[in-house]
Amino acid sequence: MSIHSGLASHVEEEGEILRRLNEATLHFQAGILGDTELLGLTHKQVKKSGKVLSEFLQNLLEAIDKPTGDATITFLVNCLRDGPKPMEDWKEDIHRLVNAIKTEKSDDANLSAIEDILALLNDDYSEGVRALYYR
């Protein structure tokens, strides 16, 4: 496999993850705000979106303590470690969000952690797309 096709595959995979997480975040946030009717969402769809977020965040938490082979998760763990916010704060924020999703306590669901993670993924995805097109 050439470097170009390897990069293209990684960018495509990361783009799909980003799309799924953005959609899940939007749907979950609509559920928290009571705007499900506005988007035509059912409670089941909101619950499914919460599950998508929870599973991803749980995988991220596990990878913080035990490295994984998932390139996207590894990238995120490295970004979190290298960033200005202490890793223990990240872990606490992610744990709190996962628990809020699982218990459906929307008052505890601070989405800033997932929004920050999505921003990191979006930046990496954009950089990958630029690398593909400017080769």
N, C-alpha and C. Protein backbone atom coordinates (compact mmCIF):
# COMPACT_ATOMS: atom_id res chain seq x y z
N MET A 1 0.85 -1.17 0.00
CA MET A 1 0.00 0.00 0.00
C MET A 1 0.90 1.24 0.00
N SER A 2 0.59 2.15 -0.85
CA SER A 2 1.39 3.37 -0.91
C SER A 2 1.06 4.29 0.25
N ILE A 3 1.96 5.22 0.50
CA ILE A 3 1.73 6.19 1.57
C ILE A 3 0.45 6.97 1.29
N HIS A 4 0.26 7.33 0.02
CA HIS A 4 -0.92 8.11 -0.36
C HIS A 4 -2.21 7.33 -0.06
N SER A 5 -2.26 6.07 -0.45
CA SER A 5 -3.50 5.31 -0.21
C SER A 5 -3.69 5.02 1.28
N GLY A 6 -2.58 4.85 2.00
CA GLY A 6 -2.68 4.67 3.46
C GLY A 6 -3.24 5.91 4.13
N LEU A 7 -2.77 7.08 3.70
CA LEU A 7 -3.27 8.34 4.24
C LEU A 7 -4.74 8.52 3.87
N ALA A 8 -5.07 8.19 2.63
CA ALA A 8 -6.46 8.32 2.19
C ALA A 8 -7.38 7.43 3.02
N SER A 9 -6.94 6.23 3.30
CA SER A 9 -7.73 5.31 4.11
C SER A 9 -7.92 5.84 5.52
N HIS A 10 -6.84 6.36 6.11
CA HIS A 10 -6.91 6.92 7.46
C HIS A 10 -7.84 8.13 7.49
N VAL A 11 -7.73 9.00 6.51
CA VAL A 11 -8.58 10.20 6.46
C VAL A 11 -10.04 9.80 6.29
N GLU A 12 -10.30 8.81 5.46
CA GLU A 12 -11.68 8.36 5.26
C GLU A 12 -12.25 7.77 6.56
N GLU A 13 -11.46 6.97 7.23
CA GLU A 13 -11.91 6.37 8.50
C GLU A 13 -12.14 7.43 9.56
N GLU A 14 -11.22 8.38 9.66
CA GLU A 14 -11.37 9.45 10.65
C GLU A 14 -12.56 10.34 10.32
N GLY A 15 -12.80 10.57 9.05
CA GLY A 15 -13.96 11.36 8.64
C GLY A 15 -15.27 10.69 9.03
N GLU A 16 -15.33 9.37 8.92
CA GLU A 16 -16.53 8.64 9.31
C GLU A 16 -16.73 8.70 10.82
N ILE A 17 -15.67 8.55 11.58
CA ILE A 17 -15.75 8.67 13.03
C ILE A 17 -16.24 10.06 13.42
N LEU A 18 -15.66 11.06 12.80
CA LEU A 18 -16.03 12.45 13.08
C LEU A 18 -17.49 12.71 12.73
N ARG A 19 -17.94 12.20 11.60
CA ARG A 19 -19.35 12.37 11.20
C ARG A 19 -20.28 11.72 12.23
N ARG A 20 -19.96 10.49 12.61
CA ARG A 20 -20.78 9.76 13.57
C ARG A 20 -20.85 10.47 14.92
N LEU A 21 -19.69 10.94 15.40
CA LEU A 21 -19.65 11.61 16.70
C LEU A 21 -20.33 12.97 16.67
N ASN A 22 -20.17 13.70 15.58
CA ASN A 22 -20.85 14.99 15.45
C ASN A 22 -22.37 14.80 15.46
N GLU A 23 -22.84 13.82 14.70
CA GLU A 23 -24.27 13.55 14.65
C GLU A 23 -24.79 13.11 16.03
N ALA A 24 -24.05 12.22 16.67
CA ALA A 24 -24.46 11.74 18.00
C ALA A 24 -24.49 12.89 19.00
N THR A 25 -23.50 13.77 18.94
CA THR A 25 -23.45 14.91 19.85
C THR A 25 -24.64 15.83 19.61
N LEU A 26 -24.93 16.12 18.36
CA LEU A 26 -26.07 16.98 18.02
C LEU A 26 -27.38 16.37 18.53
N HIS A 27 -27.57 15.09 18.29
CA HIS A 27 -28.81 14.43 18.72
C HIS A 27 -28.91 14.38 20.24
N PHE A 28 -27.80 14.05 20.90
CA PHE A 28 -27.81 13.98 22.36
C PHE A 28 -28.08 15.37 22.96
N GLN A 29 -27.45 16.38 22.38
CA GLN A 29 -27.65 17.75 22.86
C GLN A 29 -29.10 18.18 22.65
N ALA A 30 -29.68 17.80 21.53
CA ALA A 30 -31.10 18.12 21.29
C ALA A 30 -31.97 17.46 22.35
N GLY A 31 -31.62 16.25 22.76
CA GLY A 31 -32.37 15.57 23.81
C GLY A 31 -32.26 16.30 25.14
N ILE A 32 -31.06 16.78 25.45
CA ILE A 32 -30.84 17.53 26.70
C ILE A 32 -31.66 18.82 26.70
N LEU A 33 -31.67 19.49 25.57
CA LEU A 33 -32.35 20.78 25.47
C LEU A 33 -33.85 20.66 25.20
N GLY A 34 -34.31 19.45 24.97
CA GLY A 34 -35.73 19.26 24.68
C GLY A 34 -36.12 19.70 23.28
N ASP A 35 -35.15 19.69 22.37
CA ASP A 35 -35.41 20.12 20.99
C ASP A 35 -35.51 18.94 20.01
N THR A 36 -35.90 17.78 20.51
CA THR A 36 -35.95 16.61 19.64
C THR A 36 -36.99 16.76 18.53
N GLU A 37 -38.10 17.36 18.85
CA GLU A 37 -39.15 17.55 17.83
C GLU A 37 -38.66 18.44 16.70
N LEU A 38 -37.88 19.44 17.04
CA LEU A 38 -37.34 20.36 16.04
C LEU A 38 -36.51 19.61 14.99
N LEU A 39 -35.77 18.60 15.43
CA LEU A 39 -34.94 17.81 14.52
C LEU A 39 -35.62 16.52 14.06
N GLY A 40 -36.84 16.29 14.54
CA GLY A 40 -37.57 15.09 14.16
C GLY A 40 -36.97 13.82 14.76
N LEU A 41 -36.47 13.92 15.98
CA LEU A 41 -35.82 12.79 16.62
C LEU A 41 -36.74 12.12 17.63
N THR A 42 -36.58 10.82 17.75
CA THR A 42 -37.32 10.08 18.77
C THR A 42 -36.42 9.90 19.99
N HIS A 43 -37.03 9.52 21.11
CA HIS A 43 -36.26 9.24 22.33
C HIS A 43 -35.27 8.10 22.07
N LYS A 44 -35.68 7.14 21.27
CA LYS A 44 -34.82 6.00 20.93
C LYS A 44 -33.56 6.46 20.18
N GLN A 45 -33.72 7.40 19.26
CA GLN A 45 -32.57 7.93 18.51
C GLN A 45 -31.61 8.69 19.43
N VAL A 46 -32.17 9.45 20.35
CA VAL A 46 -31.35 10.21 21.31
C VAL A 46 -30.59 9.23 22.20
N LYS A 47 -31.27 8.20 22.64
CA LYS A 47 -30.64 7.19 23.50
C LYS A 47 -29.51 6.48 22.74
N LYS A 48 -29.75 6.16 21.47
CA LYS A 48 -28.73 5.52 20.63
C LYS A 48 -27.53 6.44 20.46
N SER A 49 -27.78 7.72 20.28
CA SER A 49 -26.69 8.69 20.14
C SER A 49 -25.87 8.77 21.42
N GLY A 50 -26.56 8.73 22.54
CA GLY A 50 -25.85 8.70 23.82
C GLY A 50 -24.96 7.48 23.94
N LYS A 51 -25.46 6.36 23.44
CA LYS A 51 -24.68 5.12 23.49
C LYS A 51 -23.43 5.24 22.61
N VAL A 52 -23.56 5.83 21.43
CA VAL A 52 -22.41 6.03 20.53
C VAL A 52 -21.35 6.88 21.24
N LEU A 53 -21.80 7.98 21.85
CA LEU A 53 -20.87 8.86 22.57
C LEU A 53 -20.22 8.14 23.75
N SER A 54 -21.04 7.46 24.52
CA SER A 54 -20.56 6.77 25.71
C SER A 54 -19.51 5.71 25.35
N GLU A 55 -19.77 4.91 24.32
CA GLU A 55 -18.83 3.87 23.91
C GLU A 55 -17.51 4.48 23.44
N PHE A 56 -17.59 5.54 22.65
CA PHE A 56 -16.37 6.18 22.17
C PHE A 56 -15.57 6.75 23.33
N LEU A 57 -16.24 7.45 24.22
CA LEU A 57 -15.56 8.06 25.37
C LEU A 57 -14.99 6.99 26.31
N GLN A 58 -15.71 5.89 26.47
CA GLN A 58 -15.21 4.80 27.30
C GLN A 58 -13.94 4.20 26.69
N ASN A 59 -13.92 4.03 25.37
CA ASN A 59 -12.72 3.54 24.68
C ASN A 59 -11.55 4.51 24.86
N LEU A 60 -11.86 5.79 24.81
CA LEU A 60 -10.82 6.80 25.01
C LEU A 60 -10.27 6.73 26.43
N LEU A 61 -11.15 6.61 27.41
CA LEU A 61 -10.71 6.49 28.81
C LEU A 61 -9.81 5.27 29.01
N GLU A 62 -10.21 4.15 28.44
CA GLU A 62 -9.41 2.93 28.57
C GLU A 62 -8.04 3.10 27.93
N ALA A 63 -7.98 3.80 26.80
CA ALA A 63 -6.71 3.99 26.09
C ALA A 63 -5.77 4.95 26.82
N ILE A 64 -6.32 5.79 27.67
CA ILE A 64 -5.47 6.69 28.45
C ILE A 64 -4.60 5.87 29.40
N ASP A 65 -5.18 4.81 29.96
CA ASP A 65 -4.45 3.98 30.91
C ASP A 65 -3.74 2.80 30.26
N LYS A 66 -4.27 2.33 29.12
CA LYS A 66 -3.69 1.17 28.44
C LYS A 66 -3.74 1.43 26.94
N PRO A 67 -2.58 1.64 26.30
CA PRO A 67 -2.54 1.95 24.87
C PRO A 67 -3.32 0.96 24.02
N THR A 68 -3.82 1.46 22.92
CA THR A 68 -4.64 0.68 22.00
C THR A 68 -4.03 0.74 20.60
N GLY A 69 -4.50 -0.11 19.72
CA GLY A 69 -4.04 -0.10 18.34
C GLY A 69 -4.84 0.83 17.45
N ASP A 70 -5.87 1.45 17.99
CA ASP A 70 -6.72 2.35 17.21
C ASP A 70 -6.01 3.67 17.00
N ALA A 71 -5.73 4.00 15.74
CA ALA A 71 -4.95 5.20 15.41
C ALA A 71 -5.65 6.48 15.86
N THR A 72 -6.95 6.56 15.70
CA THR A 72 -7.68 7.77 16.07
C THR A 72 -7.67 7.97 17.59
N ILE A 73 -7.92 6.90 18.31
CA ILE A 73 -7.93 6.99 19.78
C ILE A 73 -6.51 7.34 20.27
N THR A 74 -5.50 6.70 19.69
CA THR A 74 -4.11 7.00 20.08
C THR A 74 -3.76 8.45 19.81
N PHE A 75 -4.19 8.96 18.67
CA PHE A 75 -3.97 10.37 18.34
C PHE A 75 -4.59 11.26 19.40
N LEU A 76 -5.83 10.97 19.77
CA LEU A 76 -6.52 11.79 20.76
C LEU A 76 -5.85 11.73 22.13
N VAL A 77 -5.45 10.55 22.55
CA VAL A 77 -4.76 10.41 23.84
C VAL A 77 -3.49 11.25 23.84
N ASN A 78 -2.73 11.19 22.75
CA ASN A 78 -1.50 11.99 22.66
C ASN A 78 -1.80 13.49 22.70
N CYS A 79 -2.85 13.91 22.03
CA CYS A 79 -3.23 15.33 22.06
C CYS A 79 -3.62 15.75 23.47
N LEU A 80 -4.39 14.91 24.14
CA LEU A 80 -4.82 15.24 25.50
C LEU A 80 -3.61 15.32 26.43
N ARG A 81 -2.67 14.39 26.28
CA ARG A 81 -1.46 14.40 27.12
C ARG A 81 -0.60 15.64 26.87
N ASP A 82 -0.53 16.05 25.59
CA ASP A 82 0.33 17.17 25.22
C ASP A 82 -0.31 18.53 25.46
N GLY A 83 -1.60 18.55 25.72
CA GLY A 83 -2.32 19.81 25.88
C GLY A 83 -2.10 20.43 27.25
N PRO A 84 -2.61 21.65 27.41
CA PRO A 84 -2.41 22.38 28.67
C PRO A 84 -3.25 21.86 29.84
N LYS A 85 -4.32 21.17 29.55
CA LYS A 85 -5.21 20.66 30.61
C LYS A 85 -4.63 19.35 31.15
N PRO A 86 -4.53 19.22 32.46
CA PRO A 86 -3.99 17.98 33.04
C PRO A 86 -4.85 16.76 32.67
N MET A 87 -4.18 15.64 32.47
CA MET A 87 -4.86 14.41 32.08
C MET A 87 -5.91 13.98 33.10
N GLU A 88 -5.63 14.19 34.38
CA GLU A 88 -6.62 13.82 35.41
C GLU A 88 -7.90 14.63 35.25
N ASP A 89 -7.79 15.88 34.84
CA ASP A 89 -8.98 16.70 34.59
C ASP A 89 -9.77 16.16 33.40
N TRP A 90 -9.05 15.75 32.35
CA TRP A 90 -9.72 15.15 31.19
C TRP A 90 -10.47 13.89 31.60
N LYS A 91 -9.78 13.04 32.36
CA LYS A 91 -10.40 11.80 32.79
C LYS A 91 -11.65 12.06 33.62
N GLU A 92 -11.58 13.01 34.51
CA GLU A 92 -12.72 13.36 35.34
C GLU A 92 -13.89 13.88 34.50
N ASP A 93 -13.59 14.79 33.56
CA ASP A 93 -14.64 15.33 32.68
C ASP A 93 -15.28 14.24 31.83
N ILE A 94 -14.46 13.35 31.30
CA ILE A 94 -14.99 12.27 30.46
C ILE A 94 -15.81 11.30 31.29
N HIS A 95 -15.30 10.94 32.47
CA HIS A 95 -16.07 10.06 33.37
C HIS A 95 -17.43 10.67 33.70
N ARG A 96 -17.43 11.94 34.03
CA ARG A 96 -18.67 12.62 34.39
C ARG A 96 -19.67 12.59 33.23
N LEU A 97 -19.18 12.83 32.01
CA LEU A 97 -20.06 12.83 30.85
C LEU A 97 -20.58 11.42 30.57
N VAL A 98 -19.72 10.43 30.65
CA VAL A 98 -20.16 9.05 30.43
C VAL A 98 -21.23 8.66 31.45
N ASN A 99 -21.01 9.02 32.70
CA ASN A 99 -22.01 8.71 33.74
C ASN A 99 -23.32 9.45 33.51
N ALA A 100 -23.25 10.69 33.08
CA ALA A 100 -24.46 11.46 32.79
C ALA A 100 -25.24 10.84 31.64
N ILE A 101 -24.52 10.35 30.64
CA ILE A 101 -25.18 9.70 29.50
C ILE A 101 -25.84 8.40 29.95
N LYS A 102 -25.10 7.59 30.70
CA LYS A 102 -25.62 6.29 31.12
C LYS A 102 -26.81 6.42 32.07
N THR A 103 -26.78 7.40 32.95
CA THR A 103 -27.86 7.56 33.92
C THR A 103 -28.96 8.50 33.41
N GLU A 104 -28.73 9.07 32.23
CA GLU A 104 -29.68 10.01 31.61
C GLU A 104 -29.96 11.21 32.50
N LYS A 105 -28.94 11.66 33.20
CA LYS A 105 -29.05 12.88 34.02
C LYS A 105 -28.52 14.04 33.20
N SER A 106 -29.41 14.65 32.46
CA SER A 106 -28.99 15.70 31.53
C SER A 106 -28.40 16.92 32.24
N ASP A 107 -28.75 17.13 33.50
CA ASP A 107 -28.19 18.27 34.23
C ASP A 107 -26.69 18.12 34.43
N ASP A 108 -26.21 16.87 34.47
CA ASP A 108 -24.79 16.60 34.67
C ASP A 108 -24.01 16.49 33.37
N ALA A 109 -24.69 16.57 32.24
CA ALA A 109 -24.06 16.34 30.95
C ALA A 109 -23.40 17.61 30.42
N ASN A 110 -22.16 17.83 30.82
CA ASN A 110 -21.38 18.95 30.31
C ASN A 110 -20.70 18.47 29.03
N LEU A 111 -21.16 18.97 27.91
CA LEU A 111 -20.66 18.50 26.62
C LEU A 111 -19.36 19.16 26.18
N SER A 112 -18.78 20.01 27.00
CA SER A 112 -17.55 20.69 26.57
C SER A 112 -16.42 19.71 26.31
N ALA A 113 -16.36 18.60 27.05
CA ALA A 113 -15.29 17.62 26.82
C ALA A 113 -15.40 17.01 25.43
N ILE A 114 -16.59 16.57 25.05
CA ILE A 114 -16.75 15.97 23.72
C ILE A 114 -16.57 17.02 22.63
N GLU A 115 -16.99 18.24 22.88
CA GLU A 115 -16.80 19.31 21.89
C GLU A 115 -15.31 19.60 21.68
N ASP A 116 -14.52 19.58 22.76
CA ASP A 116 -13.07 19.78 22.63
C ASP A 116 -12.42 18.62 21.88
N ILE A 117 -12.87 17.41 22.16
CA ILE A 117 -12.34 16.23 21.47
C ILE A 117 -12.70 16.27 19.99
N LEU A 118 -13.92 16.67 19.69
CA LEU A 118 -14.34 16.80 18.29
C LEU A 118 -13.52 17.86 17.56
N ALA A 119 -13.17 18.94 18.26
CA ALA A 119 -12.34 19.98 17.64
C ALA A 119 -10.96 19.42 17.29
N LEU A 120 -10.39 18.62 18.17
CA LEU A 120 -9.09 17.99 17.89
C LEU A 120 -9.19 17.06 16.68
N LEU A 121 -10.23 16.26 16.65
CA LEU A 121 -10.43 15.35 15.51
C LEU A 121 -10.65 16.12 14.22
N ASN A 122 -11.43 17.17 14.29
CA ASN A 122 -11.70 17.97 13.11
C ASN A 122 -10.43 18.59 12.55
N ASP A 123 -9.57 19.10 13.43
CA ASP A 123 -8.30 19.69 13.00
C ASP A 123 -7.42 18.65 12.33
N ASP A 124 -7.35 17.45 12.91
CA ASP A 124 -6.53 16.39 12.33
C ASP A 124 -7.10 15.93 10.99
N TYR A 125 -8.41 15.81 10.92
CA TYR A 125 -9.06 15.42 9.67
C TYR A 125 -8.79 16.46 8.58
N SER A 126 -8.93 17.72 8.92
CA SER A 126 -8.69 18.79 7.95
C SER A 126 -7.24 18.77 7.46
N GLU A 127 -6.32 18.54 8.37
CA GLU A 127 -4.91 18.46 8.00
C GLU A 127 -4.67 17.28 7.06
N GLY A 128 -5.31 16.15 7.34
CA GLY A 128 -5.17 14.98 6.48
C GLY A 128 -5.73 15.22 5.10
N VAL A 129 -6.87 15.88 5.02
CA VAL A 129 -7.48 16.21 3.72
C VAL A 129 -6.56 17.14 2.93
N ARG A 130 -6.02 18.14 3.60
CA ARG A 130 -5.09 19.06 2.93
C ARG A 130 -3.87 18.30 2.42
N ALA A 131 -3.36 17.40 3.20
CA ALA A 131 -2.18 16.60 2.79
C ALA A 131 -2.50 15.77 1.55
N LEU A 132 -3.71 15.25 1.45
CA LEU A 132 -4.10 14.46 0.29
C LEU A 132 -4.19 15.30 -0.97
N TYR A 133 -4.75 16.48 -0.84
CA TYR A 133 -4.99 17.30 -2.01
C TYR A 133 -3.80 18.13 -2.45
N TYR A 134 -2.85 18.33 -1.58
CA TYR A 134 -1.70 19.16 -1.94
C TYR A 134 -0.44 18.33 -2.12
N ARG A 135 -0.58 17.09 -2.52
CA ARG A 135 0.57 16.21 -2.80
C ARG A 135 0.90 16.27 -4.24
